[in-house]
């Protein structure tokens, strides 16, 4: 546990240094897995400040996402994870409210390989995400997101786990 806290502190300092050059956003998420494990996530995001394929319909943009997740298990002990992902976003054109969809693939490190009935096989896992939501004027965002974690068959067993969450993001 102390090793994970040390890793979390190092990640926070590293992410903090990376985000000081740009404006950072903070996000809070609450969700659940298929095994009824509650998921609480705290993240920092840094926008890429780039746009591609910009039309009157919308544009492609993205952000870096670093997060700490607490997994509150029912039948097994709780778990913790740190993750880092590049996330691509398609933001539809709009006035004060802009719908968006997002997708990304990153990496995650779990404190334990067991999460409820899922044996992740290794502490290192990939994080695949898909989400959609609304961006509001003033730097606020509400979204729903599905995230899948697995080690892509690097080590067996590879049960993987999915979380489904409601997210709130605000500009700092």
C-alpha atoms as a PDB file:
ATOM      1  CA  UNK A   1       0.000   0.000   0.000  1.00  0.00           C
ATOM      2  CA  UNK A   2       2.813   2.407   0.842  1.00  0.00           C
ATOM      3  CA  UNK A   3       4.441   1.633  -2.499  1.00  0.00           C
ATOM      4  CA  UNK A   4       1.208   2.632  -4.288  1.00  0.00           C
ATOM      5  CA  UNK A   5       0.922   5.866  -2.287  1.00  0.00           C
ATOM      6  CA  UNK A   6       4.520   6.726  -3.189  1.00  0.00           C
ATOM      7  CA  UNK A   7       3.747   5.980  -6.835  1.00  0.00           C
ATOM      8  CA  UNK A   8       0.599   8.132  -6.632  1.00  0.00           C
ATOM      9  CA  UNK A   9       2.589  11.026  -5.148  1.00  0.00           C
ATOM     10  CA  UNK A  10       5.252  10.752  -7.880  1.00  0.00           C
ATOM     11  CA  UNK A  11       2.566  10.630 -10.566  1.00  0.00           C
ATOM     12  CA  UNK A  12       0.834  13.678  -9.087  1.00  0.00           C
ATOM     13  CA  UNK A  13       4.081  15.668  -9.038  1.00  0.00           C
ATOM     14  CA  UNK A  14       4.955  14.581 -12.587  1.00  0.00           C
ATOM     15  CA  UNK A  15       1.475  15.395 -13.893  1.00  0.00           C
ATOM     16  CA  UNK A  16       1.515  18.681 -12.012  1.00  0.00           C
ATOM     17  CA  UNK A  17       4.805  19.659 -13.650  1.00  0.00           C
ATOM     18  CA  UNK A  18       3.495  18.680 -17.088  1.00  0.00           C
ATOM     19  CA  UNK A  19       0.290  20.671 -16.645  1.00  0.00           C
ATOM     20  CA  UNK A  20       1.846  23.857 -15.239  1.00  0.00           C
ATOM     21  CA  UNK A  21       2.873  24.924 -18.736  1.00  0.00           C
ATOM     22  CA  UNK A  22      -0.780  24.691 -19.861  1.00  0.00           C
ATOM     23  CA  UNK A  23      -4.131  25.204 -18.215  1.00  0.00           C
ATOM     24  CA  UNK A  24      -5.342  22.022 -16.524  1.00  0.00           C
ATOM     25  CA  UNK A  25      -8.840  20.728 -15.905  1.00  0.00           C
ATOM     26  CA  UNK A  26      -9.966  18.495 -13.067  1.00  0.00           C
ATOM     27  CA  UNK A  27     -12.581  15.751 -13.337  1.00  0.00           C
ATOM     28  CA  UNK A  28     -14.573  13.724 -10.840  1.00  0.00           C
ATOM     29  CA  UNK A  29     -16.285  10.451 -11.756  1.00  0.00           C
ATOM     30  CA  UNK A  30     -18.573   8.044  -9.946  1.00  0.00           C
ATOM     31  CA  UNK A  31     -19.568   4.734 -11.443  1.00  0.00           C
ATOM     32  CA  UNK A  32     -19.901   1.007 -11.120  1.00  0.00           C
ATOM     33  CA  UNK A  33     -18.617  -2.220 -12.667  1.00  0.00           C
ATOM     34  CA  UNK A  34     -20.693  -5.218 -13.756  1.00  0.00           C
ATOM     35  CA  UNK A  35     -19.815  -6.836 -10.398  1.00  0.00           C
ATOM     36  CA  UNK A  36     -21.337  -3.897  -8.461  1.00  0.00           C
ATOM     37  CA  UNK A  37     -17.944  -2.515  -7.489  1.00  0.00           C
ATOM     38  CA  UNK A  38     -18.220   1.224  -6.928  1.00  0.00           C
ATOM     39  CA  UNK A  39     -15.639   3.262  -8.840  1.00  0.00           C
ATOM     40  CA  UNK A  40     -14.446   6.741  -7.780  1.00  0.00           C
ATOM     41  CA  UNK A  41     -12.040   8.556 -10.107  1.00  0.00           C
ATOM     42  CA  UNK A  42     -10.137  11.836  -9.749  1.00  0.00           C
ATOM     43  CA  UNK A  43      -8.391  13.074 -12.878  1.00  0.00           C
ATOM     44  CA  UNK A  44      -6.316  15.889 -14.341  1.00  0.00           C
ATOM     45  CA  UNK A  45      -6.633  16.777 -17.998  1.00  0.00           C
ATOM     46  CA  UNK A  46      -4.541  18.941 -20.305  1.00  0.00           C
ATOM     47  CA  UNK A  47      -6.092  19.974 -23.627  1.00  0.00           C
ATOM     48  CA  UNK A  48      -3.987  19.624 -26.766  1.00  0.00           C
ATOM     49  CA  UNK A  49      -5.043  23.062 -28.037  1.00  0.00           C
ATOM     50  CA  UNK A  50      -5.099  21.656 -31.580  1.00  0.00           C
ATOM     51  CA  UNK A  51      -7.977  21.019 -33.985  1.00  0.00           C
ATOM     52  CA  UNK A  52      -8.225  18.740 -36.999  1.00  0.00           C
ATOM     53  CA  UNK A  53     -10.919  18.294 -39.622  1.00  0.00           C
ATOM     54  CA  UNK A  54     -12.712  21.442 -38.511  1.00  0.00           C
ATOM     55  CA  UNK A  55     -15.977  22.024 -40.419  1.00  0.00           C
ATOM     56  CA  UNK A  56     -19.293  23.713 -39.770  1.00  0.00           C
ATOM     57  CA  UNK A  57     -20.438  20.448 -38.139  1.00  0.00           C
ATOM     58  CA  UNK A  58     -17.603  20.150 -35.616  1.00  0.00           C
ATOM     59  CA  UNK A  59     -13.929  19.373 -35.071  1.00  0.00           C
ATOM     60  CA  UNK A  60     -11.519  16.744 -33.764  1.00  0.00           C
ATOM     61  CA  UNK A  61      -9.435  17.710 -30.753  1.00  0.00           C
ATOM     62  CA  UNK A  62      -8.171  15.919 -27.638  1.00  0.00           C
ATOM     63  CA  UNK A  63      -6.508  15.932 -24.258  1.00  0.00           C
ATOM     64  CA  UNK A  64      -4.107  14.042 -21.988  1.00  0.00           C
ATOM     65  CA  UNK A  65      -5.805  12.387 -19.019  1.00  0.00           C
ATOM     66  CA  UNK A  66      -4.057  11.253 -15.831  1.00  0.00           C
ATOM     67  CA  UNK A  67      -6.188   9.758 -13.059  1.00  0.00           C
ATOM     68  CA  UNK A  68      -6.319   7.979  -9.725  1.00  0.00           C
ATOM     69  CA  UNK A  69      -9.193   5.481  -9.333  1.00  0.00           C
ATOM     70  CA  UNK A  70     -10.455   3.885  -6.122  1.00  0.00           C
ATOM     71  CA  UNK A  71     -12.322   0.591  -6.615  1.00  0.00           C
ATOM     72  CA  UNK A  72     -14.595  -0.150  -3.615  1.00  0.00           C
ATOM     73  CA  UNK A  73     -15.200  -3.914  -3.752  1.00  0.00           C
ATOM     74  CA  UNK A  74     -18.092  -5.799  -2.144  1.00  0.00           C
ATOM     75  CA  UNK A  75     -16.565  -9.248  -1.695  1.00  0.00           C
ATOM     76  CA  UNK A  76     -12.821  -8.628  -1.993  1.00  0.00           C
ATOM     77  CA  UNK A  77     -10.630  -5.884  -0.662  1.00  0.00           C
ATOM     78  CA  UNK A  78     -10.621  -2.546  -2.398  1.00  0.00           C
ATOM     79  CA  UNK A  79      -8.200  -1.706  -5.165  1.00  0.00           C
ATOM     80  CA  UNK A  80      -6.444   1.401  -6.465  1.00  0.00           C
ATOM     81  CA  UNK A  81      -5.185   2.290  -9.927  1.00  0.00           C
ATOM     82  CA  UNK A  82      -3.289   5.038 -11.709  1.00  0.00           C
ATOM     83  CA  UNK A  83      -3.857   5.644 -15.400  1.00  0.00           C
ATOM     84  CA  UNK A  84      -2.644   7.831 -18.243  1.00  0.00           C
ATOM     85  CA  UNK A  85      -4.335   8.175 -21.640  1.00  0.00           C
ATOM     86  CA  UNK A  86      -4.400  10.300 -24.742  1.00  0.00           C
ATOM     87  CA  UNK A  87      -8.073  10.942 -25.591  1.00  0.00           C
ATOM     88  CA  UNK A  88      -9.459  12.002 -28.978  1.00  0.00           C
ATOM     89  CA  UNK A  89     -12.647  14.086 -28.941  1.00  0.00           C
ATOM     90  CA  UNK A  90     -15.099  14.936 -31.710  1.00  0.00           C
ATOM     91  CA  UNK A  91     -16.811  18.133 -30.583  1.00  0.00           C
ATOM     92  CA  UNK A  92     -19.955  19.095 -32.479  1.00  0.00           C
ATOM     93  CA  UNK A  93     -20.437  22.777 -33.311  1.00  0.00           C
ATOM     94  CA  UNK A  94     -22.827  24.652 -31.085  1.00  0.00           C
ATOM     95  CA  UNK A  95     -23.436  27.758 -29.067  1.00  0.00           C
ATOM     96  CA  UNK A  96     -23.154  27.587 -25.294  1.00  0.00           C
ATOM     97  CA  UNK A  97     -23.698  23.791 -25.243  1.00  0.00           C
ATOM     98  CA  UNK A  98     -21.566  21.498 -27.420  1.00  0.00           C
ATOM     99  CA  UNK A  99     -22.178  17.742 -27.611  1.00  0.00           C
ATOM    100  CA  UNK A 100     -19.086  15.526 -27.976  1.00  0.00           C
ATOM    101  CA  UNK A 101     -17.933  11.928 -28.261  1.00  0.00           C
ATOM    102  CA  UNK A 102     -14.540  10.697 -27.072  1.00  0.00           C
ATOM    103  CA  UNK A 103     -12.330   7.638 -27.393  1.00  0.00           C
ATOM    104  CA  UNK A 104      -8.888   6.763 -26.099  1.00  0.00           C
ATOM    105  CA  UNK A 105      -6.429   3.988 -25.300  1.00  0.00           C
ATOM    106  CA  UNK A 106      -3.941   4.351 -22.476  1.00  0.00           C
ATOM    107  CA  UNK A 107      -2.212   2.443 -19.687  1.00  0.00           C
ATOM    108  CA  UNK A 108      -3.095   1.733 -16.058  1.00  0.00           C
ATOM    109  CA  UNK A 109      -1.308   0.273 -13.039  1.00  0.00           C
ATOM    110  CA  UNK A 110      -3.391  -1.554 -10.400  1.00  0.00           C
ATOM    111  CA  UNK A 111      -2.309  -2.154  -6.797  1.00  0.00           C
ATOM    112  CA  UNK A 112      -3.738  -5.730  -6.879  1.00  0.00           C
ATOM    113  CA  UNK A 113      -4.524  -8.099  -9.737  1.00  0.00           C
ATOM    114  CA  UNK A 114      -7.819  -9.272  -8.187  1.00  0.00           C
ATOM    115  CA  UNK A 115     -10.945  -7.101  -8.467  1.00  0.00           C
ATOM    116  CA  UNK A 116     -14.096  -8.873  -7.244  1.00  0.00           C
ATOM    117  CA  UNK A 117     -14.475 -11.978  -9.462  1.00  0.00           C
ATOM    118  CA  UNK A 118     -12.076 -10.604 -12.099  1.00  0.00           C
ATOM    119  CA  UNK A 119      -8.455 -11.721 -12.152  1.00  0.00           C
ATOM    120  CA  UNK A 120      -6.609  -9.096 -14.179  1.00  0.00           C
ATOM    121  CA  UNK A 121      -3.505 -11.296 -14.445  1.00  0.00           C
ATOM    122  CA  UNK A 122      -1.072  -8.419 -13.999  1.00  0.00           C
ATOM    123  CA  UNK A 123      -0.892  -5.007 -12.380  1.00  0.00           C
ATOM    124  CA  UNK A 124      -0.165  -3.448 -15.793  1.00  0.00           C
ATOM    125  CA  UNK A 125      -3.278  -3.058 -17.940  1.00  0.00           C
ATOM    126  CA  UNK A 126      -4.498  -1.122 -20.925  1.00  0.00           C
ATOM    127  CA  UNK A 127      -7.350   1.356 -20.552  1.00  0.00           C
ATOM    128  CA  UNK A 128      -9.817   1.624 -23.470  1.00  0.00           C
ATOM    129  CA  UNK A 129     -12.533   4.270 -23.204  1.00  0.00           C
ATOM    130  CA  UNK A 130     -15.582   5.489 -25.022  1.00  0.00           C
ATOM    131  CA  UNK A 131     -17.781   8.351 -23.835  1.00  0.00           C
ATOM    132  CA  UNK A 132     -20.191  11.069 -24.804  1.00  0.00           C
ATOM    133  CA  UNK A 133     -21.411  14.226 -23.159  1.00  0.00           C
ATOM    134  CA  UNK A 134     -22.034  17.957 -23.219  1.00  0.00           C
ATOM    135  CA  UNK A 135     -19.618  20.886 -22.870  1.00  0.00           C
ATOM    136  CA  UNK A 136     -21.065  24.050 -21.381  1.00  0.00           C
ATOM    137  CA  UNK A 137     -19.910  27.643 -21.591  1.00  0.00           C
ATOM    138  CA  UNK A 138     -17.636  28.509 -18.691  1.00  0.00           C
ATOM    139  CA  UNK A 139     -15.516  25.338 -18.894  1.00  0.00           C
ATOM    140  CA  UNK A 140     -17.930  22.760 -17.423  1.00  0.00           C
ATOM    141  CA  UNK A 141     -18.624  19.329 -18.867  1.00  0.00           C
ATOM    142  CA  UNK A 142     -20.959  16.407 -18.063  1.00  0.00           C
ATOM    143  CA  UNK A 143     -20.485  13.000 -19.663  1.00  0.00           C
ATOM    144  CA  UNK A 144     -20.998   9.270 -19.365  1.00  0.00           C
ATOM    145  CA  UNK A 145     -18.112   6.928 -20.027  1.00  0.00           C
ATOM    146  CA  UNK A 146     -17.376   3.235 -20.393  1.00  0.00           C
ATOM    147  CA  UNK A 147     -13.798   2.140 -19.652  1.00  0.00           C
ATOM    148  CA  UNK A 148     -12.409  -1.359 -20.188  1.00  0.00           C
ATOM    149  CA  UNK A 149      -9.222  -2.551 -18.473  1.00  0.00           C
ATOM    150  CA  UNK A 150      -7.284  -5.666 -19.504  1.00  0.00           C
ATOM    151  CA  UNK A 151      -3.693  -6.697 -20.111  1.00  0.00           C
ATOM    152  CA  UNK A 152      -4.355  -7.630 -23.785  1.00  0.00           C
ATOM    153  CA  UNK A 153      -3.284 -11.234 -23.196  1.00  0.00           C
ATOM    154  CA  UNK A 154       0.225 -10.359 -22.012  1.00  0.00           C
ATOM    155  CA  UNK A 155      -0.336 -12.549 -18.943  1.00  0.00           C
ATOM    156  CA  UNK A 156      -3.012 -15.102 -18.078  1.00  0.00           C
ATOM    157  CA  UNK A 157      -5.610 -15.010 -16.722  1.00  0.00           C
ATOM    158  CA  UNK A 158      -6.907 -11.874 -18.421  1.00  0.00           C
ATOM    159  CA  UNK A 159     -10.485 -11.441 -17.169  1.00  0.00           C
ATOM    160  CA  UNK A 160     -10.524  -7.666 -17.572  1.00  0.00           C
ATOM    161  CA  UNK A 161     -13.083  -5.329 -16.051  1.00  0.00           C
ATOM    162  CA  UNK A 162     -15.390  -2.575 -17.304  1.00  0.00           C
ATOM    163  CA  UNK A 163     -16.553   0.496 -15.435  1.00  0.00           C
ATOM    164  CA  UNK A 164     -19.460   2.758 -16.373  1.00  0.00           C
ATOM    165  CA  UNK A 165     -19.458   6.228 -14.885  1.00  0.00           C
ATOM    166  CA  UNK A 166     -20.948   9.683 -14.736  1.00  0.00           C
ATOM    167  CA  UNK A 167     -18.272  12.394 -15.070  1.00  0.00           C
ATOM    168  CA  UNK A 168     -18.001  16.070 -14.248  1.00  0.00           C
ATOM    169  CA  UNK A 169     -15.077  18.141 -15.570  1.00  0.00           C
ATOM    170  CA  UNK A 170     -14.264  21.775 -14.903  1.00  0.00           C
ATOM    171  CA  UNK A 171     -11.527  24.132 -16.017  1.00  0.00           C
ATOM    172  CA  UNK A 172      -9.186  25.355 -13.296  1.00  0.00           C
END
